[in-house]
C-alpha atoms as a PDB file:
ATOM      1  CA  MET A   1      44.904 -39.005  73.550  1.00  0.00           C
ATOM      2  CA  SER A   2      43.047 -42.019  72.167  1.00  0.00           C
ATOM      3  CA  ALA A   3      40.204 -41.459  69.716  1.00  0.00           C
ATOM      4  CA  ALA A   4      38.451 -44.424  71.249  1.00  0.00           C
ATOM      5  CA  THR A   5      37.857 -42.435  74.421  1.00  0.00           C
ATOM      6  CA  GLY A   6      35.671 -40.018  72.503  1.00  0.00           C
ATOM      7  CA  ALA A   7      37.632 -37.133  73.995  1.00  0.00           C
ATOM      8  CA  GLN A   8      39.703 -36.264  70.925  1.00  0.00           C
ATOM      9  CA  ARG A   9      38.267 -33.156  69.289  1.00  0.00           C
ATOM     10  CA  GLN A  10      40.621 -32.540  66.337  1.00  0.00           C
ATOM     11  CA  ALA A  11      42.646 -34.607  63.865  1.00  0.00           C
ATOM     12  CA  ARG A  12      44.609 -33.985  60.668  1.00  0.00           C
ATOM     13  CA  ALA A  13      45.121 -36.424  57.843  1.00  0.00           C
ATOM     14  CA  PHE A  14      47.090 -36.436  54.593  1.00  0.00           C
ATOM     15  CA  SER A  15      46.069 -38.332  51.481  1.00  0.00           C
ATOM     16  CA  PRO A  16      48.499 -38.766  48.588  1.00  0.00           C
ATOM     17  CA  ALA A  17      47.632 -38.221  44.964  1.00  0.00           C
ATOM     18  CA  SER A  18      47.037 -41.306  42.845  1.00  0.00           C
ATOM     19  CA  VAL A  19      47.264 -42.838  39.401  1.00  0.00           C
ATOM     20  CA  GLY A  20      43.764 -43.926  38.396  1.00  0.00           C
ATOM     21  CA  ASN A  21      42.776 -46.579  35.835  1.00  0.00           C
ATOM     22  CA  VAL A  22      46.423 -47.739  35.449  1.00  0.00           C
ATOM     23  CA  ALA A  23      45.716 -47.980  31.702  1.00  0.00           C
ATOM     24  CA  VAL A  24      43.894 -51.314  31.728  1.00  0.00           C
ATOM     25  CA  GLY A  25      41.654 -50.974  34.794  1.00  0.00           C
ATOM     26  CA  PHE A  26      39.214 -48.213  33.924  1.00  0.00           C
ATOM     27  CA  ASP A  27      37.497 -47.048  37.141  1.00  0.00           C
ATOM     28  CA  ILE A  28      38.728 -50.096  39.083  1.00  0.00           C
ATOM     29  CA  LEU A  29      42.559 -50.032  39.371  1.00  0.00           C
ATOM     30  CA  GLY A  30      44.857 -47.457  40.950  1.00  0.00           C
ATOM     31  CA  HIS A  31      47.922 -46.821  43.090  1.00  0.00           C
ATOM     32  CA  PRO A  32      49.156 -43.906  45.244  1.00  0.00           C
ATOM     33  CA  LEU A  33      51.612 -41.254  44.111  1.00  0.00           C
ATOM     34  CA  ALA A  34      53.952 -40.289  46.934  1.00  0.00           C
ATOM     35  CA  GLY A  35      55.203 -36.752  47.335  1.00  0.00           C
ATOM     36  CA  VAL A  36      52.056 -34.725  46.703  1.00  0.00           C
ATOM     37  CA  GLY A  37      48.583 -34.742  48.222  1.00  0.00           C
ATOM     38  CA  ASP A  38      45.804 -33.010  50.160  1.00  0.00           C
ATOM     39  CA  THR A  39      45.584 -32.370  53.923  1.00  0.00           C
ATOM     40  CA  VAL A  40      42.339 -32.059  55.883  1.00  0.00           C
ATOM     41  CA  THR A  41      41.887 -30.895  59.474  1.00  0.00           C
ATOM     42  CA  ALA A  42      38.682 -32.184  61.100  1.00  0.00           C
ATOM     43  CA  ARG A  43      37.094 -30.989  64.326  1.00  0.00           C
ATOM     44  CA  ARG A  44      34.327 -32.768  66.195  1.00  0.00           C
ATOM     45  CA  ILE A  45      31.490 -30.336  66.903  1.00  0.00           C
ATOM     46  CA  ASP A  46      28.327 -30.674  68.972  1.00  0.00           C
ATOM     47  CA  GLU A  47      26.021 -29.548  66.150  1.00  0.00           C
ATOM     48  CA  PRO A  48      24.760 -32.490  64.050  1.00  0.00           C
ATOM     49  CA  GLN A  49      26.047 -31.110  60.739  1.00  0.00           C
ATOM     50  CA  VAL A  50      29.074 -30.913  58.461  1.00  0.00           C
ATOM     51  CA  ARG A  51      30.704 -27.518  57.942  1.00  0.00           C
ATOM     52  CA  ILE A  52      33.588 -26.561  55.653  1.00  0.00           C
ATOM     53  CA  ALA A  53      35.366 -23.670  57.332  1.00  0.00           C
ATOM     54  CA  ALA A  54      38.063 -23.096  54.715  1.00  0.00           C
ATOM     55  CA  ILE A  55      39.624 -24.398  51.514  1.00  0.00           C
ATOM     56  CA  ARG A  56      43.175 -23.269  50.799  1.00  0.00           C
ATOM     57  CA  GLY A  57      45.486 -23.855  47.863  1.00  0.00           C
ATOM     58  CA  ALA A  58      42.897 -24.062  45.075  1.00  0.00           C
ATOM     59  CA  PRO A  59      43.353 -21.776  42.028  1.00  0.00           C
ATOM     60  CA  PHE A  60      39.652 -20.908  42.067  1.00  0.00           C
ATOM     61  CA  PRO A  61      36.878 -21.160  44.696  1.00  0.00           C
ATOM     62  CA  LEU A  62      35.587 -24.642  45.472  1.00  0.00           C
ATOM     63  CA  PRO A  63      32.151 -25.296  47.010  1.00  0.00           C
ATOM     64  CA  LEU A  64      31.942 -24.683  50.743  1.00  0.00           C
ATOM     65  CA  GLU A  65      28.479 -26.274  50.909  1.00  0.00           C
ATOM     66  CA  ALA A  66      29.052 -29.765  52.293  1.00  0.00           C
ATOM     67  CA  GLU A  67      26.698 -31.534  49.908  1.00  0.00           C
ATOM     68  CA  ARG A  68      28.494 -30.034  46.867  1.00  0.00           C
ATOM     69  CA  ASN A  69      32.022 -30.802  48.082  1.00  0.00           C
ATOM     70  CA  THR A  70      33.632 -34.251  47.860  1.00  0.00           C
ATOM     71  CA  ALA A  71      34.961 -34.128  51.416  1.00  0.00           C
ATOM     72  CA  GLY A  72      31.732 -32.713  52.789  1.00  0.00           C
ATOM     73  CA  ALA A  73      29.546 -35.226  50.984  1.00  0.00           C
ATOM     74  CA  ALA A  74      31.676 -38.108  52.275  1.00  0.00           C
ATOM     75  CA  LEU A  75      31.293 -36.913  55.870  1.00  0.00           C
ATOM     76  CA  LEU A  76      27.554 -36.422  55.397  1.00  0.00           C
ATOM     77  CA  ALA A  77      27.331 -40.040  54.232  1.00  0.00           C
ATOM     78  CA  MET A  78      29.337 -41.158  57.270  1.00  0.00           C
ATOM     79  CA  ARG A  79      27.144 -39.197  59.687  1.00  0.00           C
ATOM     80  CA  GLU A  80      23.954 -40.618  58.200  1.00  0.00           C
ATOM     81  CA  ALA A  81      25.139 -44.229  58.026  1.00  0.00           C
ATOM     82  CA  LEU A  82      26.459 -44.231  61.596  1.00  0.00           C
ATOM     83  CA  ALA A  83      23.617 -42.064  62.982  1.00  0.00           C
ATOM     84  CA  LEU A  84      26.179 -39.858  64.702  1.00  0.00           C
ATOM     85  CA  PRO A  85      24.761 -37.405  67.280  1.00  0.00           C
ATOM     86  CA  PHE A  86      27.601 -34.947  66.572  1.00  0.00           C
ATOM     87  CA  GLY A  87      29.077 -33.318  63.482  1.00  0.00           C
ATOM     88  CA  PHE A  88      32.333 -32.200  61.902  1.00  0.00           C
ATOM     89  CA  GLU A  89      33.954 -28.964  60.821  1.00  0.00           C
ATOM     90  CA  ILE A  90      36.809 -29.300  58.347  1.00  0.00           C
ATOM     91  CA  GLU A  91      39.514 -27.239  56.689  1.00  0.00           C
ATOM     92  CA  ILE A  92      40.992 -28.446  53.400  1.00  0.00           C
ATOM     93  CA  ASP A  93      44.503 -27.682  52.164  1.00  0.00           C
ATOM     94  CA  LYS A  94      44.810 -28.604  48.494  1.00  0.00           C
ATOM     95  CA  GLY A  95      48.173 -29.853  47.298  1.00  0.00           C
ATOM     96  CA  ILE A  96      46.983 -31.549  44.103  1.00  0.00           C
ATOM     97  CA  ALA A  97      46.292 -29.524  40.967  1.00  0.00           C
ATOM     98  CA  LEU A  98      42.644 -29.536  39.921  1.00  0.00           C
ATOM     99  CA  GLY A  99      41.774 -31.341  36.687  1.00  0.00           C
ATOM    100  CA  SER A 100      45.193 -33.012  36.647  1.00  0.00           C
ATOM    101  CA  GLY A 101      44.262 -36.691  36.537  1.00  0.00           C
ATOM    102  CA  MET A 102      45.961 -37.167  39.912  1.00  0.00           C
ATOM    103  CA  GLY A 103      42.886 -37.877  42.041  1.00  0.00           C
ATOM    104  CA  GLY A 104      42.544 -34.463  43.657  1.00  0.00           C
ATOM    105  CA  SER A 105      38.848 -34.762  44.460  1.00  0.00           C
ATOM    106  CA  ALA A 106      39.347 -38.241  45.913  1.00  0.00           C
ATOM    107  CA  ALA A 107      42.286 -37.128  48.063  1.00  0.00           C
ATOM    108  CA  SER A 108      40.268 -34.426  49.828  1.00  0.00           C
ATOM    109  CA  CYS A 109      37.483 -36.940  50.366  1.00  0.00           C
ATOM    110  CA  VAL A 110      39.755 -39.641  51.818  1.00  0.00           C
ATOM    111  CA  ALA A 111      41.778 -37.256  53.993  1.00  0.00           C
ATOM    112  CA  ALA A 112      38.535 -35.914  55.482  1.00  0.00           C
ATOM    113  CA  LEU A 113      37.259 -39.398  56.247  1.00  0.00           C
ATOM    114  CA  VAL A 114      40.521 -40.583  57.801  1.00  0.00           C
ATOM    115  CA  ALA A 115      40.690 -37.478  60.008  1.00  0.00           C
ATOM    116  CA  ALA A 116      37.018 -37.689  61.023  1.00  0.00           C
ATOM    117  CA  ASN A 117      37.289 -41.424  61.649  1.00  0.00           C
ATOM    118  CA  ALA A 118      39.942 -40.724  64.287  1.00  0.00           C
ATOM    119  CA  LEU A 119      37.346 -38.614  66.136  1.00  0.00           C
ATOM    120  CA  LEU A 120      34.770 -41.409  66.399  1.00  0.00           C
ATOM    121  CA  ASP A 121      34.304 -43.121  69.747  1.00  0.00           C
ATOM    122  CA  ALA A 122      35.089 -46.392  67.942  1.00  0.00           C
ATOM    123  CA  PRO A 123      37.077 -45.708  64.742  1.00  0.00           C
ATOM    124  CA  LEU A 124      36.257 -47.909  61.753  1.00  0.00           C
ATOM    125  CA  PRO A 125      38.706 -50.028  59.720  1.00  0.00           C
ATOM    126  CA  ARG A 126      39.792 -48.390  56.459  1.00  0.00           C
ATOM    127  CA  GLN A 127      37.702 -50.756  54.310  1.00  0.00           C
ATOM    128  CA  ALA A 128      34.561 -49.557  56.114  1.00  0.00           C
ATOM    129  CA  LEU A 129      35.196 -45.980  54.977  1.00  0.00           C
ATOM    130  CA  TYR A 130      34.959 -46.966  51.307  1.00  0.00           C
ATOM    131  CA  PRO A 131      31.176 -46.524  50.844  1.00  0.00           C
ATOM    132  CA  PHE A 132      31.374 -43.010  52.298  1.00  0.00           C
ATOM    133  CA  ALA A 133      34.282 -42.189  49.999  1.00  0.00           C
ATOM    134  CA  LEU A 134      32.290 -43.378  46.984  1.00  0.00           C
ATOM    135  CA  ALA A 135      29.481 -41.005  47.944  1.00  0.00           C
ATOM    136  CA  GLY A 136      31.958 -38.141  48.073  1.00  0.00           C
ATOM    137  CA  GLU A 137      33.712 -38.948  44.795  1.00  0.00           C
ATOM    138  CA  ALA A 138      30.351 -39.073  42.990  1.00  0.00           C
ATOM    139  CA  VAL A 139      29.932 -35.339  43.656  1.00  0.00           C
ATOM    140  CA  ALA A 140      32.987 -34.531  41.542  1.00  0.00           C
ATOM    141  CA  SER A 141      32.827 -37.101  38.770  1.00  0.00           C
ATOM    142  CA  GLY A 142      29.161 -37.981  38.575  1.00  0.00           C
ATOM    143  CA  GLY A 143      29.920 -41.671  39.140  1.00  0.00           C
ATOM    144  CA  ARG A 144      30.766 -44.048  41.992  1.00  0.00           C
ATOM    145  CA  HIS A 145      34.207 -45.407  41.094  1.00  0.00           C
ATOM    146  CA  GLY A 146      37.016 -46.327  43.453  1.00  0.00           C
ATOM    147  CA  ASP A 147      40.185 -46.487  41.358  1.00  0.00           C
ATOM    148  CA  ASN A 148      41.572 -43.422  43.163  1.00  0.00           C
ATOM    149  CA  LEU A 149      39.864 -44.000  46.522  1.00  0.00           C
ATOM    150  CA  GLY A 150      41.060 -47.575  47.031  1.00  0.00           C
ATOM    151  CA  PRO A 151      44.808 -46.922  46.900  1.00  0.00           C
ATOM    152  CA  MET A 152      44.426 -43.804  49.036  1.00  0.00           C
ATOM    153  CA  LEU A 153      42.600 -45.787  51.722  1.00  0.00           C
ATOM    154  CA  LEU A 154      44.761 -48.933  51.697  1.00  0.00           C
ATOM    155  CA  GLY A 155      48.016 -47.958  49.995  1.00  0.00           C
ATOM    156  CA  GLY A 156      49.623 -49.884  47.145  1.00  0.00           C
ATOM    157  CA  LEU A 157      48.011 -51.144  43.953  1.00  0.00           C
ATOM    158  CA  VAL A 158      44.315 -51.698  44.642  1.00  0.00           C
ATOM    159  CA  LEU A 159      41.511 -53.326  42.682  1.00  0.00           C
ATOM    160  CA  ALA A 160      38.347 -51.434  43.622  1.00  0.00           C
ATOM    161  CA  THR A 161      34.975 -52.947  42.774  1.00  0.00           C
ATOM    162  CA  ALA A 162      31.574 -51.503  43.649  1.00  0.00           C
ATOM    163  CA  ASP A 163      31.660 -52.984  47.147  1.00  0.00           C
ATOM    164  CA  ARG A 164      35.183 -54.131  47.992  1.00  0.00           C
ATOM    165  CA  LEU A 165      38.864 -53.221  47.864  1.00  0.00           C
ATOM    166  CA  VAL A 166      41.531 -55.802  47.027  1.00  0.00           C
ATOM    167  CA  ARG A 167      45.207 -54.957  47.451  1.00  0.00           C
ATOM    168  CA  ILE A 168      47.382 -56.400  44.671  1.00  0.00           C
ATOM    169  CA  PRO A 169      50.979 -57.383  45.550  1.00  0.00           C
ATOM    170  CA  VAL A 170      53.661 -55.536  43.568  1.00  0.00           C
ATOM    171  CA  PRO A 171      57.465 -55.888  43.754  1.00  0.00           C
ATOM    172  CA  GLU A 172      59.025 -53.191  45.961  1.00  0.00           C
ATOM    173  CA  SER A 173      61.456 -52.223  43.196  1.00  0.00           C
ATOM    174  CA  TRP A 174      58.757 -51.233  40.697  1.00  0.00           C
ATOM    175  CA  HIS A 175      58.292 -47.473  40.440  1.00  0.00           C
ATOM    176  CA  SER A 176      55.912 -45.161  38.663  1.00  0.00           C
ATOM    177  CA  LEU A 177      56.822 -41.919  36.927  1.00  0.00           C
ATOM    178  CA  LEU A 178      54.061 -39.341  36.668  1.00  0.00           C
ATOM    179  CA  VAL A 179      54.456 -36.185  34.609  1.00  0.00           C
ATOM    180  CA  HIS A 180      51.815 -33.473  34.938  1.00  0.00           C
ATOM    181  CA  PRO A 181      51.739 -30.836  32.176  1.00  0.00           C
ATOM    182  CA  GLU A 182      50.518 -27.409  33.299  1.00  0.00           C
ATOM    183  CA  ALA A 183      47.118 -27.937  31.696  1.00  0.00           C
ATOM    184  CA  VAL A 184      43.633 -28.735  32.983  1.00  0.00           C
ATOM    185  CA  LEU A 185      41.336 -31.486  31.722  1.00  0.00           C
ATOM    186  CA  GLU A 186      38.061 -31.698  33.616  1.00  0.00           C
ATOM    187  CA  THR A 187      36.997 -35.217  34.558  1.00  0.00           C
ATOM    188  CA  ARG A 188      33.487 -34.754  33.207  1.00  0.00           C
ATOM    189  CA  ARG A 189      34.816 -33.615  29.813  1.00  0.00           C
ATOM    190  CA  ALA A 190      37.201 -36.568  29.698  1.00  0.00           C
ATOM    191  CA  ARG A 191      34.322 -38.928  30.439  1.00  0.00           C
ATOM    192  CA  GLU A 192      32.196 -37.357  27.713  1.00  0.00           C
ATOM    193  CA  ALA A 193      34.905 -38.351  25.223  1.00  0.00           C
ATOM    194  CA  LEU A 194      34.097 -41.982  25.971  1.00  0.00           C
ATOM    195  CA  ALA A 195      30.544 -41.775  24.608  1.00  0.00           C
ATOM    196  CA  GLY A 196      29.827 -43.850  21.524  1.00  0.00           C
ATOM    197  CA  SER A 197      29.945 -47.462  20.405  1.00  0.00           C
ATOM    198  CA  TYR A 198      32.605 -50.060  21.187  1.00  0.00           C
ATOM    199  CA  GLU A 199      33.393 -53.357  19.530  1.00  0.00           C
ATOM    200  CA  LEU A 200      33.349 -56.620  21.446  1.00  0.00           C
ATOM    201  CA  LYS A 201      36.918 -57.358  20.399  1.00  0.00           C
ATOM    202  CA  GLU A 202      38.041 -54.177  22.179  1.00  0.00           C
ATOM    203  CA  PHE A 203      36.572 -55.409  25.466  1.00  0.00           C
ATOM    204  CA  VAL A 204      38.158 -58.828  24.986  1.00  0.00           C
ATOM    205  CA  ALA A 205      41.573 -57.268  24.326  1.00  0.00           C
ATOM    206  CA  GLN A 206      41.285 -54.961  27.342  1.00  0.00           C
ATOM    207  CA  SER A 207      40.219 -57.853  29.591  1.00  0.00           C
ATOM    208  CA  ALA A 208      43.214 -59.876  28.422  1.00  0.00           C
ATOM    209  CA  ASN A 209      45.562 -56.976  29.115  1.00  0.00           C
ATOM    210  CA  LEU A 210      44.127 -56.427  32.599  1.00  0.00           C
ATOM    211  CA  ALA A 211      44.548 -60.126  33.351  1.00  0.00           C
ATOM    212  CA  LEU A 212      48.168 -60.043  32.178  1.00  0.00           C
ATOM    213  CA  VAL A 213      48.958 -57.038  34.385  1.00  0.00           C
ATOM    214  CA  LEU A 214      47.330 -58.548  37.485  1.00  0.00           C
ATOM    215  CA  ALA A 215      49.029 -61.906  36.896  1.00  0.00           C
ATOM    216  CA  GLY A 216      52.347 -60.145  36.350  1.00  0.00           C
ATOM    217  CA  CYS A 217      51.997 -58.186  39.583  1.00  0.00           C
ATOM    218  CA  HIS A 218      51.183 -61.305  41.605  1.00  0.00           C
ATOM    219  CA  ALA A 219      54.116 -63.190  40.065  1.00  0.00           C
ATOM    220  CA  GLY A 220      56.496 -60.237  40.071  1.00  0.00           C
ATOM    221  CA  ASP A 221      56.891 -60.869  36.326  1.00  0.00           C
ATOM    222  CA  ALA A 222      57.708 -57.667  34.435  1.00  0.00           C
ATOM    223  CA  HIS A 223      57.417 -59.487  31.097  1.00  0.00           C
ATOM    224  CA  LEU A 224      53.720 -60.190  31.710  1.00  0.00           C
ATOM    225  CA  VAL A 225      53.098 -56.595  32.760  1.00  0.00           C
ATOM    226  CA  ARG A 226      54.979 -55.320  29.713  1.00  0.00           C
ATOM    227  CA  ALA A 227      52.744 -57.468  27.494  1.00  0.00           C
ATOM    228  CA  GLY A 228      49.541 -56.239  29.100  1.00  0.00           C
ATOM    229  CA  LEU A 229      50.001 -52.616  30.183  1.00  0.00           C
ATOM    230  CA  ARG A 230      48.325 -51.214  27.055  1.00  0.00           C
ATOM    231  CA  ASP A 231      44.953 -49.430  27.051  1.00  0.00           C
ATOM    232  CA  VAL A 232      43.107 -50.245  23.829  1.00  0.00           C
ATOM    233  CA  LEU A 233      39.711 -49.048  25.066  1.00  0.00           C
ATOM    234  CA  VAL A 234      39.887 -45.617  26.711  1.00  0.00           C
ATOM    235  CA  GLU A 235      43.260 -44.102  25.785  1.00  0.00           C
ATOM    236  CA  PRO A 236      42.537 -43.886  22.027  1.00  0.00           C
ATOM    237  CA  ARG A 237      39.431 -41.807  22.772  1.00  0.00           C
ATOM    238  CA  ARG A 238      41.060 -39.474  25.327  1.00  0.00           C
ATOM    239  CA  ALA A 239      44.529 -39.021  23.868  1.00  0.00           C
ATOM    240  CA  PRO A 240      43.383 -36.365  21.343  1.00  0.00           C
ATOM    241  CA  LEU A 241      42.379 -34.161  24.302  1.00  0.00           C
ATOM    242  CA  ILE A 242      45.989 -34.073  25.581  1.00  0.00           C
ATOM    243  CA  ALA A 243      48.517 -32.030  23.603  1.00  0.00           C
ATOM    244  CA  GLY A 244      51.879 -33.781  23.562  1.00  0.00           C
ATOM    245  CA  PHE A 245      50.554 -37.103  24.855  1.00  0.00           C
ATOM    246  CA  ASP A 246      51.755 -39.308  22.004  1.00  0.00           C
ATOM    247  CA  ALA A 247      55.304 -37.944  22.222  1.00  0.00           C
ATOM    248  CA  ALA A 248      55.339 -38.190  26.018  1.00  0.00           C
ATOM    249  CA  LYS A 249      54.208 -41.818  25.940  1.00  0.00           C
ATOM    250  CA  ALA A 250      56.739 -42.673  23.265  1.00  0.00           C
ATOM    251  CA  ALA A 251      59.520 -41.080  25.319  1.00  0.00           C
ATOM    252  CA  ALA A 252      58.610 -43.202  28.341  1.00  0.00           C
ATOM    253  CA  LEU A 253      58.543 -46.408  26.314  1.00  0.00           C
ATOM    254  CA  GLU A 254      61.856 -45.585  24.658  1.00  0.00           C
ATOM    255  CA  ALA A 255      63.307 -45.136  28.139  1.00  0.00           C
ATOM    256  CA  GLY A 256      62.337 -48.701  29.024  1.00  0.00           C
ATOM    257  CA  ALA A 257      58.921 -48.343  30.625  1.00  0.00           C
ATOM    258  CA  MET A 258      56.841 -51.501  31.050  1.00  0.00           C
ATOM    259  CA  GLY A 259      53.927 -49.400  29.827  1.00  0.00           C
ATOM    260  CA  ALA A 260      52.666 -45.823  29.795  1.00  0.00           C
ATOM    261  CA  SER A 261      49.254 -44.197  29.533  1.00  0.00           C
ATOM    262  CA  ILE A 262      46.976 -41.452  30.836  1.00  0.00           C
ATOM    263  CA  SER A 263      46.712 -41.060  34.603  1.00  0.00           C
ATOM    264  CA  GLY A 264      43.067 -40.907  35.595  1.00  0.00           C
ATOM    265  CA  ALA A 265      41.158 -38.606  33.290  1.00  0.00           C
ATOM    266  CA  GLY A 266      44.380 -36.811  32.251  1.00  0.00           C
ATOM    267  CA  PRO A 267      46.231 -34.768  31.196  1.00  0.00           C
ATOM    268  CA  SER A 268      48.967 -36.312  33.396  1.00  0.00           C
ATOM    269  CA  VAL A 269      50.877 -39.271  31.979  1.00  0.00           C
ATOM    270  CA  PHE A 270      52.251 -42.170  34.008  1.00  0.00           C
ATOM    271  CA  ALA A 271      54.702 -44.956  33.226  1.00  0.00           C
ATOM    272  CA  TRP A 272      55.811 -48.042  35.162  1.00  0.00           C
ATOM    273  CA  PHE A 273      59.473 -48.981  35.457  1.00  0.00           C
ATOM    274  CA  GLU A 274      61.314 -51.873  37.060  1.00  0.00           C
ATOM    275  CA  SER A 275      63.421 -49.569  39.234  1.00  0.00           C
ATOM    276  CA  ARG A 276      63.479 -46.043  40.666  1.00  0.00           C
ATOM    277  CA  GLU A 277      66.657 -45.296  38.725  1.00  0.00           C
ATOM    278  CA  ARG A 278      65.016 -46.048  35.373  1.00  0.00           C
ATOM    279  CA  ALA A 279      61.951 -43.986  36.258  1.00  0.00           C
ATOM    280  CA  GLU A 280      64.044 -40.997  37.312  1.00  0.00           C
ATOM    281  CA  ALA A 281      66.196 -41.255  34.183  1.00  0.00           C
ATOM    282  CA  ALA A 282      63.096 -41.206  31.959  1.00  0.00           C
ATOM    283  CA  ALA A 283      61.563 -38.056  33.458  1.00  0.00           C
ATOM    284  CA  PRO A 284      63.532 -35.440  31.447  1.00  0.00           C
ATOM    285  CA  ALA A 285      62.564 -36.975  28.085  1.00  0.00           C
ATOM    286  CA  VAL A 286      58.870 -37.169  28.996  1.00  0.00           C
ATOM    287  CA  GLN A 287      58.930 -33.582  30.234  1.00  0.00           C
ATOM    288  CA  ALA A 288      60.724 -32.508  27.053  1.00  0.00           C
ATOM    289  CA  ALA A 289      57.876 -33.991  25.007  1.00  0.00           C
ATOM    290  CA  PHE A 290      55.372 -31.783  26.809  1.00  0.00           C
ATOM    291  CA  ALA A 291      57.712 -28.787  26.503  1.00  0.00           C
ATOM    292  CA  ALA A 292      57.737 -29.290  22.748  1.00  0.00           C
ATOM    293  CA  ALA A 293      53.930 -29.083  22.863  1.00  0.00           C
ATOM    294  CA  GLY A 294      54.165 -25.786  24.756  1.00  0.00           C
ATOM    295  CA  PHE A 295      53.623 -26.983  28.323  1.00  0.00           C
ATOM    296  CA  GLU A 296      55.815 -26.789  31.396  1.00  0.00           C
ATOM    297  CA  SER A 297      55.439 -29.823  33.630  1.00  0.00           C
ATOM    298  CA  GLN A 298      56.158 -31.388  37.004  1.00  0.00           C
ATOM    299  CA  ALA A 299      57.397 -34.920  37.563  1.00  0.00           C
ATOM    300  CA  TRP A 300      57.160 -37.335  40.495  1.00  0.00           C
ATOM    301  CA  VAL A 301      58.630 -40.792  40.968  1.00  0.00           C
ATOM    302  CA  SER A 302      57.245 -43.112  43.622  1.00  0.00           C
ATOM    303  CA  ALA A 303      57.022 -46.811  44.374  1.00  0.00           C
ATOM    304  CA  VAL A 304      53.897 -48.412  42.927  1.00  0.00           C
ATOM    305  CA  ASP A 305      53.472 -50.037  46.346  1.00  0.00           C
ATOM    306  CA  SER A 306      53.628 -46.741  48.262  1.00  0.00           C
ATOM    307  CA  ALA A 307      51.611 -45.708  51.302  1.00  0.00           C
ATOM    308  CA  GLY A 308      48.049 -44.447  51.383  1.00  0.00           C
ATOM    309  CA  ALA A 309      46.486 -41.800  53.623  1.00  0.00           C
ATOM    310  CA  VAL A 310      47.969 -41.192  57.076  1.00  0.00           C
ATOM    311  CA  LEU A 311      47.016 -39.375  60.266  1.00  0.00           C
ATOM    312  CA  LEU A 312      49.373 -36.495  61.001  1.00  0.00           C
END
């Protein structure tokens, strides 16, 4: 049944996890992580409101009040902006660990929007959902940043500014390894670690590294990416919050990674490789580094240019 007819009353959508910041693009650069994510079921209801009927899979209760939930807040923003005469009821199934640096709050938000969008009489293009997603993400992190939202909405490596999403071409062979230690690092705490003064030369170095990575992606030049995929601004201030990080990063680099850093706010660590085989081969050493620090871990390997959210 077509959503455009206005007759469809229910839809389900899946949003993958993501790697935020990608070392050099704090709050503006990210890519999806295939294999894990959140699922949201949305129902169109006659009442002009947003209701959260259930949240499953979370280790502790998450807010059911729409305005305090990332998915709920995003749908409230959509309803208001489009002046919808109807509302939505949603159920959220969490598949991403909370406080993992894998974009869990953004995934619920994006999955809800993609599902609800299918229930509109005239569904919007993915880019048009971005402002609503920003409103939702702000509930969790306290800021409007799209480094996780962009890749979930469009797929692939995405540059997310305040008002637009730009997909960056990446060779199909390039893969990302993400290792998540069984630890929690709240986004707000990780952002608090960034308070303080910075030197101008740090910003210049980070800008140069970001430029090298973007140029390398466009050209398919791993040497440029290898030269630039180094976070000199944020990582040094957050790394002390993550037990085993230095050893995990070193293990990835020794295994041939183009670069490695903190995924999102942490504590997960990601690394880029020129092939799936190299990424898979590196996983045991990175996991061993976290084991030595006392943490079990999970590992995922996915193409940097993998898919974003999908309707189920």
